[in-house]
C-alpha atoms as a PDB file:
ATOM      1  CA  UNK A   1      -0.072  -0.060  -0.005  1.00  0.00           C
ATOM      2  CA  UNK A   2       1.556   3.365  -0.984  1.00  0.00           C
ATOM      3  CA  UNK A   3       1.908   5.909   1.816  1.00  0.00           C
ATOM      4  CA  UNK A   4      -0.340   8.905   1.678  1.00  0.00           C
ATOM      5  CA  UNK A   5       1.070  12.460   0.024  1.00  0.00           C
ATOM      6  CA  UNK A   6       2.187  14.401   2.989  1.00  0.00           C
ATOM      7  CA  UNK A   7       2.701  18.081   1.786  1.00  0.00           C
ATOM      8  CA  UNK A   8       2.954  19.814   4.828  1.00  0.00           C
ATOM      9  CA  UNK A   9       6.815  20.288   4.739  1.00  0.00           C
ATOM     10  CA  UNK A  10       7.012  20.828   0.908  1.00  0.00           C
ATOM     11  CA  UNK A  11       7.932  24.340   1.370  1.00  0.00           C
ATOM     12  CA  UNK A  12      10.527  23.973   3.889  1.00  0.00           C
ATOM     13  CA  UNK A  13      12.195  21.037   1.814  1.00  0.00           C
ATOM     14  CA  UNK A  14      11.964  22.657  -1.250  1.00  0.00           C
ATOM     15  CA  UNK A  15      13.737  25.914   0.270  1.00  0.00           C
ATOM     16  CA  UNK A  16      16.490  23.689   1.686  1.00  0.00           C
ATOM     17  CA  UNK A  17      17.114  22.054  -1.726  1.00  0.00           C
ATOM     18  CA  UNK A  18      17.169  25.559  -3.430  1.00  0.00           C
ATOM     19  CA  UNK A  19      19.545  26.731  -0.784  1.00  0.00           C
ATOM     20  CA  UNK A  20      21.886  23.490  -1.149  1.00  0.00           C
ATOM     21  CA  UNK A  21      21.693  23.957  -4.878  1.00  0.00           C
ATOM     22  CA  UNK A  22      23.038  27.542  -4.171  1.00  0.00           C
ATOM     23  CA  UNK A  23      25.793  26.370  -2.100  1.00  0.00           C
ATOM     24  CA  UNK A  24      26.675  24.013  -4.762  1.00  0.00           C
ATOM     25  CA  UNK A  25      27.092  26.760  -7.176  1.00  0.00           C
ATOM     26  CA  UNK A  26      29.184  28.627  -4.837  1.00  0.00           C
ATOM     27  CA  UNK A  27      31.435  25.620  -4.362  1.00  0.00           C
ATOM     28  CA  UNK A  28      31.800  25.233  -7.947  1.00  0.00           C
ATOM     29  CA  UNK A  29      32.648  28.768  -8.588  1.00  0.00           C
ATOM     30  CA  UNK A  30      35.337  28.427  -6.014  1.00  0.00           C
ATOM     31  CA  UNK A  31      36.593  25.631  -7.438  1.00  0.00           C
ATOM     32  CA  UNK A  32      37.128  27.166 -10.631  1.00  0.00           C
ATOM     33  CA  UNK A  33      39.283  29.788  -9.444  1.00  0.00           C
ATOM     34  CA  UNK A  34      42.058  27.022  -8.863  1.00  0.00           C
ATOM     35  CA  UNK A  35      44.248  25.775 -11.876  1.00  0.00           C
ATOM     36  CA  UNK A  36      42.218  23.327 -14.083  1.00  0.00           C
ATOM     37  CA  UNK A  37      41.694  22.576 -17.628  1.00  0.00           C
ATOM     38  CA  UNK A  38      39.438  24.646 -19.905  1.00  0.00           C
ATOM     39  CA  UNK A  39      36.994  21.807 -20.546  1.00  0.00           C
ATOM     40  CA  UNK A  40      36.988  21.200 -16.564  1.00  0.00           C
ATOM     41  CA  UNK A  41      35.915  24.892 -16.472  1.00  0.00           C
ATOM     42  CA  UNK A  42      33.278  24.495 -19.056  1.00  0.00           C
ATOM     43  CA  UNK A  43      31.882  21.452 -17.402  1.00  0.00           C
ATOM     44  CA  UNK A  44      31.366  23.169 -14.029  1.00  0.00           C
ATOM     45  CA  UNK A  45      29.549  26.126 -16.080  1.00  0.00           C
ATOM     46  CA  UNK A  46      27.647  24.314 -17.709  1.00  0.00           C
ATOM     47  CA  UNK A  47      26.361  22.211 -14.542  1.00  0.00           C
ATOM     48  CA  UNK A  48      25.846  25.787 -12.661  1.00  0.00           C
ATOM     49  CA  UNK A  49      23.805  27.067 -15.630  1.00  0.00           C
ATOM     50  CA  UNK A  50      21.438  23.912 -15.196  1.00  0.00           C
ATOM     51  CA  UNK A  51      21.699  24.433 -11.256  1.00  0.00           C
ATOM     52  CA  UNK A  52      20.304  27.980 -11.900  1.00  0.00           C
ATOM     53  CA  UNK A  53      17.735  26.407 -14.020  1.00  0.00           C
ATOM     54  CA  UNK A  54      16.911  24.014 -11.288  1.00  0.00           C
ATOM     55  CA  UNK A  55      16.818  27.062  -8.615  1.00  0.00           C
ATOM     56  CA  UNK A  56      14.135  28.892 -10.857  1.00  0.00           C
ATOM     57  CA  UNK A  57      11.863  25.785 -10.862  1.00  0.00           C
ATOM     58  CA  UNK A  58      12.592  25.472  -7.092  1.00  0.00           C
ATOM     59  CA  UNK A  59      11.158  28.912  -6.712  1.00  0.00           C
ATOM     60  CA  UNK A  60       7.989  28.447  -8.896  1.00  0.00           C
ATOM     61  CA  UNK A  61       7.344  25.368  -7.105  1.00  0.00           C
ATOM     62  CA  UNK A  62       7.841  26.940  -3.544  1.00  0.00           C
ATOM     63  CA  UNK A  63       5.195  29.615  -4.843  1.00  0.00           C
ATOM     64  CA  UNK A  64       2.798  27.121  -5.807  1.00  0.00           C
ATOM     65  CA  UNK A  65       3.302  24.986  -2.592  1.00  0.00           C
ATOM     66  CA  UNK A  66       3.007  28.229  -0.477  1.00  0.00           C
ATOM     67  CA  UNK A  67      -0.288  29.135  -2.307  1.00  0.00           C
ATOM     68  CA  UNK A  68      -1.669  25.839  -1.727  1.00  0.00           C
ATOM     69  CA  UNK A  69      -0.953  26.027   1.669  1.00  0.00           C
ATOM     70  CA  UNK A  70      -2.450  29.264   2.386  1.00  0.00           C
ATOM     71  CA  UNK A  71      -5.685  28.011   0.620  1.00  0.00           C
ATOM     72  CA  UNK A  72      -5.896  25.183   2.969  1.00  0.00           C
ATOM     73  CA  UNK A  73      -5.425  22.502   0.664  1.00  0.00           C
ATOM     74  CA  UNK A  74      -3.336  20.283   2.825  1.00  0.00           C
END
């Protein structure tokens, strides 16, 4: 039997995931300040762009979840 969907902590969980992603971007940028190949730098830059896209998605989902919470949908 599947567990029921518990959305009560979704906003907090999504905010933590967003914060972790921001920290990963910062750590990757710090790593790029060290001596590394151009390919490695490009790989990190591309990954950070994907992370930035994820942050935007987290923010949209946080907004939706917060609206649901305010409407009392869970």
